[in-house]
Amino acid sequence: MLATKKKQTIIKKNQIHDKDTGSPEVQVAVLSSQIDALAKHLKKHKKDNHSRRGLIKMVADRRTHLKYLERKSKPRYTALMKKMDLA
């Protein structure tokens, strides 16, 4: 889980307008930071299979949001991929 302050800063960096908390860009950014934190945890705790399952679900969810964004707006998708350094 992300701390509230950290999550708010991630949202502020990636939001499209002032009250944006649910756009695909914001959701991908939050999921990416959660994935990074969980991957770091799993490097230390190699046998934590329950958390590994959660990581796989988060990666699949992020991929779904990225596919949606690519289908709806290609320029926003490419900008997000560059910004998040995912590709």
PDB file of N, CA and C in Angstrom:
ATOM      1  N   MET A   1       0.827  -1.180   0.000  1.00  0.00           N
ATOM      2  CA  MET A   1       0.000   0.000   0.000  1.00  0.00           C
ATOM      3  C   MET A   1       0.877   1.251   0.000  1.00  0.00           C
ATOM      4  N   LEU A   2       0.415   2.239  -0.697  1.00  0.00           N
ATOM      5  CA  LEU A   2       1.121   3.517  -0.742  1.00  0.00           C
ATOM      6  C   LEU A   2       0.635   4.417   0.375  1.00  0.00           C
ATOM      7  N   ALA A   3       1.535   5.228   0.883  1.00  0.00           N
ATOM      8  CA  ALA A   3       1.148   6.237   1.857  1.00  0.00           C
ATOM      9  C   ALA A   3       0.290   7.289   1.153  1.00  0.00           C
ATOM     10  N   THR A   4      -0.605   7.898   1.900  1.00  0.00           N
ATOM     11  CA  THR A   4      -1.538   8.860   1.319  1.00  0.00           C
ATOM     12  C   THR A   4      -0.815  10.034   0.674  1.00  0.00           C
ATOM     13  N   LYS A   5       0.204  10.546   1.334  1.00  0.00           N
ATOM     14  CA  LYS A   5       0.956  11.693   0.788  1.00  0.00           C
ATOM     15  C   LYS A   5       1.624  11.327  -0.530  1.00  0.00           C
ATOM     16  N   LYS A   6       2.233  10.148  -0.582  1.00  0.00           N
ATOM     17  CA  LYS A   6       2.917   9.715  -1.799  1.00  0.00           C
ATOM     18  C   LYS A   6       1.925   9.534  -2.939  1.00  0.00           C
ATOM     19  N   LYS A   7       0.772   8.951  -2.623  1.00  0.00           N
ATOM     20  CA  LYS A   7      -0.252   8.740  -3.633  1.00  0.00           C
ATOM     21  C   LYS A   7      -0.774  10.080  -4.158  1.00  0.00           C
ATOM     22  N   GLN A   8      -0.953  11.050  -3.275  1.00  0.00           N
ATOM     23  CA  GLN A   8      -1.419  12.368  -3.694  1.00  0.00           C
ATOM     24  C   GLN A   8      -0.417  13.061  -4.610  1.00  0.00           C
ATOM     25  N   THR A   9       0.875  12.913  -4.328  1.00  0.00           N
ATOM     26  CA  THR A   9       1.873  13.535  -5.196  1.00  0.00           C
ATOM     27  C   THR A   9       1.891  12.873  -6.566  1.00  0.00           C
ATOM     28  N   ILE A  10       1.716  11.561  -6.598  1.00  0.00           N
ATOM     29  CA  ILE A  10       1.665  10.852  -7.880  1.00  0.00           C
ATOM     30  C   ILE A  10       0.457  11.326  -8.686  1.00  0.00           C
ATOM     31  N   ILE A  11      -0.681  11.479  -8.015  1.00  0.00           N
ATOM     32  CA  ILE A  11      -1.893  11.938  -8.695  1.00  0.00           C
ATOM     33  C   ILE A  11      -1.690  13.355  -9.229  1.00  0.00           C
ATOM     34  N   LYS A  12      -1.103  14.240  -8.425  1.00  0.00           N
ATOM     35  CA  LYS A  12      -0.868  15.631  -8.853  1.00  0.00           C
ATOM     36  C   LYS A  12       0.025  15.697 -10.086  1.00  0.00           C
ATOM     37  N   LYS A  13       1.028  14.837 -10.154  1.00  0.00           N
ATOM     38  CA  LYS A  13       1.953  14.845 -11.290  1.00  0.00           C
ATOM     39  C   LYS A  13       1.295  14.383 -12.581  1.00  0.00           C
ATOM     40  N   ASN A  14       0.287  13.507 -12.484  1.00  0.00           N
ATOM     41  CA  ASN A  14      -0.257  12.875 -13.678  1.00  0.00           C
ATOM     42  C   ASN A  14      -1.679  13.266 -14.026  1.00  0.00           C
ATOM     43  N   GLN A  15      -2.292  14.136 -13.254  1.00  0.00           N
ATOM     44  CA  GLN A  15      -3.682  14.471 -13.534  1.00  0.00           C
ATOM     45  C   GLN A  15      -3.797  15.414 -14.725  1.00  0.00           C
ATOM     46  N   ILE A  16      -4.908  15.308 -15.418  1.00  0.00           N
ATOM     47  CA  ILE A  16      -5.167  16.108 -16.611  1.00  0.00           C
ATOM     48  C   ILE A  16      -5.721  17.480 -16.220  1.00  0.00           C
ATOM     49  N   HIS A  17      -6.622  17.505 -15.240  1.00  0.00           N
ATOM     50  CA  HIS A  17      -7.168  18.761 -14.727  1.00  0.00           C
ATOM     51  C   HIS A  17      -7.161  18.715 -13.205  1.00  0.00           C
ATOM     52  N   ASP A  18      -7.587  19.780 -12.551  1.00  0.00           N
ATOM     53  CA  ASP A  18      -7.427  19.924 -11.106  1.00  0.00           C
ATOM     54  C   ASP A  18      -8.104  18.838 -10.279  1.00  0.00           C
ATOM     55  N   LYS A  19      -9.271  18.385 -10.689  1.00  0.00           N
ATOM     56  CA  LYS A  19     -10.015  17.414  -9.893  1.00  0.00           C
ATOM     57  C   LYS A  19      -9.933  15.999 -10.466  1.00  0.00           C
ATOM     58  N   ASP A  20      -8.972  15.751 -11.307  1.00  0.00           N
ATOM     59  CA  ASP A  20      -8.823  14.454 -11.959  1.00  0.00           C
ATOM     60  C   ASP A  20      -8.149  13.452 -11.022  1.00  0.00           C
ATOM     61  N   THR A  21      -8.877  12.377 -10.694  1.00  0.00           N
ATOM     62  CA  THR A  21      -8.282  11.303  -9.896  1.00  0.00           C
ATOM     63  C   THR A  21      -8.495   9.942 -10.535  1.00  0.00           C
ATOM     64  N   GLY A  22      -9.247   9.862 -11.627  1.00  0.00           N
ATOM     65  CA  GLY A  22      -9.581   8.565 -12.182  1.00  0.00           C
ATOM     66  C   GLY A  22      -9.245   8.369 -13.643  1.00  0.00           C
ATOM     67  N   SER A  23      -8.528   9.290 -14.247  1.00  0.00           N
ATOM     68  CA  SER A  23      -8.174   9.115 -15.652  1.00  0.00           C
ATOM     69  C   SER A  23      -7.197   7.943 -15.792  1.00  0.00           C
ATOM     70  N   PRO A  24      -7.108   7.357 -16.969  1.00  0.00           N
ATOM     71  CA  PRO A  24      -6.184   6.237 -17.157  1.00  0.00           C
ATOM     72  C   PRO A  24      -4.740   6.597 -16.820  1.00  0.00           C
ATOM     73  N   GLU A  25      -4.337   7.835 -17.100  1.00  0.00           N
ATOM     74  CA  GLU A  25      -2.972   8.253 -16.793  1.00  0.00           C
ATOM     75  C   GLU A  25      -2.693   8.182 -15.294  1.00  0.00           C
ATOM     76  N   VAL A  26      -3.628   8.657 -14.500  1.00  0.00           N
ATOM     77  CA  VAL A  26      -3.471   8.639 -13.045  1.00  0.00           C
ATOM     78  C   VAL A  26      -3.477   7.206 -12.530  1.00  0.00           C
ATOM     79  N   GLN A  27      -4.399   6.404 -13.037  1.00  0.00           N
ATOM     80  CA  GLN A  27      -4.499   5.023 -12.570  1.00  0.00           C
ATOM     81  C   GLN A  27      -3.248   4.227 -12.910  1.00  0.00           C
ATOM     82  N   VAL A  28      -2.696   4.426 -14.093  1.00  0.00           N
ATOM     83  CA  VAL A  28      -1.475   3.723 -14.487  1.00  0.00           C
ATOM     84  C   VAL A  28      -0.309   4.171 -13.614  1.00  0.00           C
ATOM     85  N   ALA A  29      -0.241   5.455 -13.311  1.00  0.00           N
ATOM     86  CA  ALA A  29       0.848   5.964 -12.476  1.00  0.00           C
ATOM     87  C   ALA A  29       0.782   5.389 -11.060  1.00  0.00           C
ATOM     88  N   VAL A  30      -0.406   5.347 -10.490  1.00  0.00           N
ATOM     89  CA  VAL A  30      -0.565   4.797  -9.139  1.00  0.00           C
ATOM     90  C   VAL A  30      -0.250   3.306  -9.139  1.00  0.00           C
ATOM     91  N   LEU A  31      -0.770   2.587 -10.123  1.00  0.00           N
ATOM     92  CA  LEU A  31      -0.487   1.154 -10.213  1.00  0.00           C
ATOM     93  C   LEU A  31       1.001   0.892 -10.404  1.00  0.00           C
ATOM     94  N   SER A  32       1.666   1.716 -11.202  1.00  0.00           N
ATOM     95  CA  SER A  32       3.097   1.521 -11.434  1.00  0.00           C
ATOM     96  C   SER A  32       3.903   1.693 -10.153  1.00  0.00           C
ATOM     97  N   SER A  33       3.539   2.671  -9.342  1.00  0.00           N
ATOM     98  CA  SER A  33       4.274   2.854  -8.091  1.00  0.00           C
ATOM     99  C   SER A  33       3.982   1.726  -7.115  1.00  0.00           C
ATOM    100  N   GLN A  34       2.757   1.222  -7.106  1.00  0.00           N
ATOM    101  CA  GLN A  34       2.430   0.076  -6.264  1.00  0.00           C
ATOM    102  C   GLN A  34       3.173  -1.169  -6.733  1.00  0.00           C
ATOM    103  N   ILE A  35       3.273  -1.339  -8.030  1.00  0.00           N
ATOM    104  CA  ILE A  35       3.990  -2.485  -8.594  1.00  0.00           C
ATOM    105  C   ILE A  35       5.466  -2.416  -8.206  1.00  0.00           C
ATOM    106  N   ASP A  36       6.048  -1.237  -8.299  1.00  0.00           N
ATOM    107  CA  ASP A  36       7.455  -1.078  -7.923  1.00  0.00           C
ATOM    108  C   ASP A  36       7.685  -1.420  -6.453  1.00  0.00           C
ATOM    109  N   ALA A  37       6.787  -0.937  -5.591  1.00  0.00           N
ATOM    110  CA  ALA A  37       6.928  -1.207  -4.156  1.00  0.00           C
ATOM    111  C   ALA A  37       6.769  -2.697  -3.862  1.00  0.00           C
ATOM    112  N   LEU A  38       5.811  -3.333  -4.516  1.00  0.00           N
ATOM    113  CA  LEU A  38       5.579  -4.753  -4.270  1.00  0.00           C
ATOM    114  C   LEU A  38       6.703  -5.608  -4.852  1.00  0.00           C
ATOM    115  N   ALA A  39       7.246  -5.203  -5.973  1.00  0.00           N
ATOM    116  CA  ALA A  39       8.371  -5.940  -6.548  1.00  0.00           C
ATOM    117  C   ALA A  39       9.582  -5.875  -5.624  1.00  0.00           C
ATOM    118  N   LYS A  40       9.793  -4.715  -5.024  1.00  0.00           N
ATOM    119  CA  LYS A  40      10.886  -4.557  -4.063  1.00  0.00           C
ATOM    120  C   LYS A  40      10.666  -5.470  -2.853  1.00  0.00           C
ATOM    121  N   HIS A  41       9.419  -5.550  -2.384  1.00  0.00           N
ATOM    122  CA  HIS A  41       9.082  -6.428  -1.260  1.00  0.00           C
ATOM    123  C   HIS A  41       9.344  -7.889  -1.613  1.00  0.00           C
ATOM    124  N   LEU A  42       8.974  -8.271  -2.837  1.00  0.00           N
ATOM    125  CA  LEU A  42       9.108  -9.671  -3.236  1.00  0.00           C
ATOM    126  C   LEU A  42      10.558 -10.085  -3.465  1.00  0.00           C
ATOM    127  N   LYS A  43      11.441  -9.127  -3.727  1.00  0.00           N
ATOM    128  CA  LYS A  43      12.858  -9.467  -3.832  1.00  0.00           C
ATOM    129  C   LYS A  43      13.410  -9.893  -2.484  1.00  0.00           C
ATOM    130  N   LYS A  44      12.869  -9.288  -1.427  1.00  0.00           N
ATOM    131  CA  LYS A  44      13.310  -9.619  -0.081  1.00  0.00           C
ATOM    132  C   LYS A  44      12.615 -10.879   0.443  1.00  0.00           C
ATOM    133  N   HIS A  45      11.328 -11.011   0.133  1.00  0.00           N
ATOM    134  CA  HIS A  45      10.518 -12.128   0.622  1.00  0.00           C
ATOM    135  C   HIS A  45      10.121 -13.013  -0.558  1.00  0.00           C
ATOM    136  N   LYS A  46      11.004 -13.885  -0.951  1.00  0.00           N
ATOM    137  CA  LYS A  46      10.830 -14.668  -2.172  1.00  0.00           C
ATOM    138  C   LYS A  46       9.670 -15.671  -2.105  1.00  0.00           C
ATOM    139  N   LYS A  47       9.296 -16.116  -0.918  1.00  0.00           N
ATOM    140  CA  LYS A  47       8.260 -17.145  -0.804  1.00  0.00           C
ATOM    141  C   LYS A  47       6.870 -16.581  -0.519  1.00  0.00           C
ATOM    142  N   ASP A  48       6.714 -15.289  -0.614  1.00  0.00           N
ATOM    143  CA  ASP A  48       5.431 -14.649  -0.352  1.00  0.00           C
ATOM    144  C   ASP A  48       4.545 -14.754  -1.592  1.00  0.00           C
ATOM    145  N   ASN A  49       3.896 -15.904  -1.742  1.00  0.00           N
ATOM    146  CA  ASN A  49       3.113 -16.168  -2.945  1.00  0.00           C
ATOM    147  C   ASN A  49       1.804 -15.393  -2.969  1.00  0.00           C
ATOM    148  N   HIS A  50       1.254 -15.043  -1.826  1.00  0.00           N
ATOM    149  CA  HIS A  50       0.015 -14.277  -1.803  1.00  0.00           C
ATOM    150  C   HIS A  50       0.241 -12.872  -2.368  1.00  0.00           C
ATOM    151  N   SER A  51       1.339 -12.261  -1.997  1.00  0.00           N
ATOM    152  CA  SER A  51       1.658 -10.931  -2.532  1.00  0.00           C
ATOM    153  C   SER A  51       2.025 -11.021  -4.008  1.00  0.00           C
ATOM    154  N   ARG A  52       2.643 -12.120  -4.399  1.00  0.00           N
ATOM    155  CA  ARG A  52       2.994 -12.315  -5.809  1.00  0.00           C
ATOM    156  C   ARG A  52       1.736 -12.352  -6.669  1.00  0.00           C
ATOM    157  N   ARG A  53       0.690 -12.983  -6.155  1.00  0.00           N
ATOM    158  CA  ARG A  53      -0.584 -13.037  -6.876  1.00  0.00           C
ATOM    159  C   ARG A  53      -1.155 -11.625  -7.034  1.00  0.00           C
ATOM    160  N   GLY A  54      -1.068 -10.811  -5.968  1.00  0.00           N
ATOM    161  CA  GLY A  54      -1.532  -9.433  -6.049  1.00  0.00           C
ATOM    162  C   GLY A  54      -0.741  -8.632  -7.063  1.00  0.00           C
ATOM    163  N   LEU A  55       0.569  -8.884  -7.133  1.00  0.00           N
ATOM    164  CA  LEU A  55       1.415  -8.204  -8.116  1.00  0.00           C
ATOM    165  C   LEU A  55       0.977  -8.555  -9.533  1.00  0.00           C
ATOM    166  N   ILE A  56       0.711  -9.808  -9.781  1.00  0.00           N
ATOM    167  CA  ILE A  56       0.278 -10.232 -11.112  1.00  0.00           C
ATOM    168  C   ILE A  56      -1.048  -9.574 -11.481  1.00  0.00           C
ATOM    169  N   LYS A  57      -1.964  -9.462 -10.514  1.00  0.00           N
ATOM    170  CA  LYS A  57      -3.245  -8.801 -10.771  1.00  0.00           C
ATOM    171  C   LYS A  57      -3.049  -7.326 -11.091  1.00  0.00           C
ATOM    172  N   MET A  58      -2.123  -6.671 -10.374  1.00  0.00           N
ATOM    173  CA  MET A  58      -1.864  -5.248 -10.632  1.00  0.00           C
ATOM    174  C   MET A  58      -1.258  -5.039 -12.011  1.00  0.00           C
ATOM    175  N   VAL A  59      -0.342  -5.902 -12.397  1.00  0.00           N
ATOM    176  CA  VAL A  59       0.275  -5.789 -13.719  1.00  0.00           C
ATOM    177  C   VAL A  59      -0.782  -5.970 -14.807  1.00  0.00           C
ATOM    178  N   ALA A  60      -1.682  -6.931 -14.611  1.00  0.00           N
ATOM    179  CA  ALA A  60      -2.747  -7.159 -15.590  1.00  0.00           C
ATOM    180  C   ALA A  60      -3.692  -5.962 -15.648  1.00  0.00           C
ATOM    181  N   ASP A  61      -3.990  -5.380 -14.495  1.00  0.00           N
ATOM    182  CA  ASP A  61      -4.869  -4.214 -14.449  1.00  0.00           C
ATOM    183  C   ASP A  61      -4.227  -3.016 -15.151  1.00  0.00           C
ATOM    184  N   ARG A  62      -2.930  -2.827 -14.927  1.00  0.00           N
ATOM    185  CA  ARG A  62      -2.218  -1.728 -15.594  1.00  0.00           C
ATOM    186  C   ARG A  62      -2.208  -1.947 -17.106  1.00  0.00           C
ATOM    187  N   ARG A  63      -1.988  -3.169 -17.531  1.00  0.00           N
ATOM    188  CA  ARG A  63      -2.000  -3.474 -18.962  1.00  0.00           C
ATOM    189  C   ARG A  63      -3.376  -3.182 -19.565  1.00  0.00           C
ATOM    190  N   THR A  64      -4.440  -3.485 -18.830  1.00  0.00           N
ATOM    191  CA  THR A  64      -5.792  -3.216 -19.304  1.00  0.00           C
ATOM    192  C   THR A  64      -6.017  -1.712 -19.477  1.00  0.00           C
ATOM    193  N   HIS A  65      -5.573  -0.924 -18.501  1.00  0.00           N
ATOM    194  CA  HIS A  65      -5.717   0.534 -18.607  1.00  0.00           C
ATOM    195  C   HIS A  65      -4.909   1.077 -19.783  1.00  0.00           C
ATOM    196  N   LEU A  66      -3.723   0.532 -20.000  1.00  0.00           N
ATOM    197  CA  LEU A  66      -2.903   0.994 -21.119  1.00  0.00           C
ATOM    198  C   LEU A  66      -3.533   0.639 -22.460  1.00  0.00           C
ATOM    199  N   LYS A  67      -4.107  -0.550 -22.570  1.00  0.00           N
ATOM    200  CA  LYS A  67      -4.778  -0.927 -23.817  1.00  0.00           C
ATOM    201  C   LYS A  67      -5.971  -0.021 -24.084  1.00  0.00           C
ATOM    202  N   TYR A  68      -6.718   0.298 -23.031  1.00  0.00           N
ATOM    203  CA  TYR A  68      -7.860   1.200 -23.174  1.00  0.00           C
ATOM    204  C   TYR A  68      -7.403   2.568 -23.674  1.00  0.00           C
ATOM    205  N   LEU A  69      -6.366   3.093 -23.050  1.00  0.00           N
ATOM    206  CA  LEU A  69      -5.870   4.417 -23.434  1.00  0.00           C
ATOM    207  C   LEU A  69      -5.333   4.402 -24.862  1.00  0.00           C
ATOM    208  N   GLU A  70      -4.664   3.338 -25.248  1.00  0.00           N
ATOM    209  CA  GLU A  70      -4.146   3.235 -26.617  1.00  0.00           C
ATOM    210  C   GLU A  70      -5.295   3.222 -27.624  1.00  0.00           C
ATOM    211  N   ARG A  71      -6.376   2.535 -27.271  1.00  0.00           N
ATOM    212  CA  ARG A  71      -7.526   2.437 -28.163  1.00  0.00           C
ATOM    213  C   ARG A  71      -8.267   3.775 -28.268  1.00  0.00           C
ATOM    214  N   LYS A  72      -8.368   4.507 -27.169  1.00  0.00           N
ATOM    215  CA  LYS A  72      -9.144   5.748 -27.146  1.00  0.00           C
ATOM    216  C   LYS A  72      -8.350   6.961 -27.630  1.00  0.00           C
ATOM    217  N   SER A  73      -7.076   7.054 -27.241  1.00  0.00           N
ATOM    218  CA  SER A  73      -6.293   8.240 -27.601  1.00  0.00           C
ATOM    219  C   SER A  73      -4.820   7.863 -27.724  1.00  0.00           C
ATOM    220  N   LYS A  74      -4.392   7.643 -28.939  1.00  0.00           N
ATOM    221  CA  LYS A  74      -3.016   7.240 -29.205  1.00  0.00           C
ATOM    222  C   LYS A  74      -1.984   8.283 -28.742  1.00  0.00           C
ATOM    223  N   PRO A  75      -2.213   9.598 -28.954  1.00  0.00           N
ATOM    224  CA  PRO A  75      -1.213  10.581 -28.492  1.00  0.00           C
ATOM    225  C   PRO A  75      -1.042  10.573 -26.969  1.00  0.00           C
ATOM    226  N   ARG A  76      -2.144  10.444 -26.229  1.00  0.00           N
ATOM    227  CA  ARG A  76      -2.048  10.391 -24.767  1.00  0.00           C
ATOM    228  C   ARG A  76      -1.324   9.125 -24.327  1.00  0.00           C
ATOM    229  N   TYR A  77      -1.556   8.037 -25.046  1.00  0.00           N
ATOM    230  CA  TYR A  77      -0.896   6.768 -24.725  1.00  0.00           C
ATOM    231  C   TYR A  77       0.616   6.877 -24.911  1.00  0.00           C
ATOM    232  N   THR A  78       1.046   7.426 -26.044  1.00  0.00           N
ATOM    233  CA  THR A  78       2.486   7.535 -26.294  1.00  0.00           C
ATOM    234  C   THR A  78       3.141   8.508 -25.314  1.00  0.00           C
ATOM    235  N   ALA A  79       2.427   9.584 -24.961  1.00  0.00           N
ATOM    236  CA  ALA A  79       2.972  10.533 -23.985  1.00  0.00           C
ATOM    237  C   ALA A  79       3.136   9.867 -22.617  1.00  0.00           C
ATOM    238  N   LEU A  80       2.165   9.062 -22.230  1.00  0.00           N
ATOM    239  CA  LEU A  80       2.243   8.377 -20.942  1.00  0.00           C
ATOM    240  C   LEU A  80       3.353   7.342 -20.933  1.00  0.00           C
ATOM    241  N   MET A  81       3.506   6.621 -22.039  1.00  0.00           N
ATOM    242  CA  MET A  81       4.568   5.606 -22.112  1.00  0.00           C
ATOM    243  C   MET A  81       5.949   6.257 -21.974  1.00  0.00           C
ATOM    244  N   LYS A  82       6.130   7.419 -22.608  1.00  0.00           N
ATOM    245  CA  LYS A  82       7.402   8.135 -22.488  1.00  0.00           C
ATOM    246  C   LYS A  82       7.609   8.658 -21.072  1.00  0.00           C
ATOM    247  N   LYS A  83       6.560   9.232 -20.509  1.00  0.00           N
ATOM    248  CA  LYS A  83       6.639   9.823 -19.177  1.00  0.00           C
ATOM    249  C   LYS A  83       6.915   8.771 -18.111  1.00  0.00           C
ATOM    250  N   MET A  84       6.256   7.621 -18.198  1.00  0.00           N
ATOM    251  CA  MET A  84       6.402   6.572 -17.195  1.00  0.00           C
ATOM    252  C   MET A  84       7.593   5.643 -17.503  1.00  0.00           C
ATOM    253  N   ASP A  85       8.168   5.802 -18.694  1.00  0.00           N
ATOM    254  CA  ASP A  85       9.301   4.968 -19.123  1.00  0.00           C
ATOM    255  C   ASP A  85       8.941   3.485 -19.069  1.00  0.00           C
ATOM    256  N   LEU A  86       7.799   3.145 -19.684  1.00  0.00           N
ATOM    257  CA  LEU A  86       7.292   1.774 -19.664  1.00  0.00           C
ATOM    258  C   LEU A  86       7.698   0.983 -20.912  1.00  0.00           C
ATOM    259  N   ALA A  87       7.948   1.663 -21.985  1.00  0.00           N
ATOM    260  CA  ALA A  87       8.231   0.925 -23.220  1.00  0.00           C
ATOM    261  C   ALA A  87       9.711   0.831 -23.506  1.00  0.00           C
TER     262      ALA A  87
END
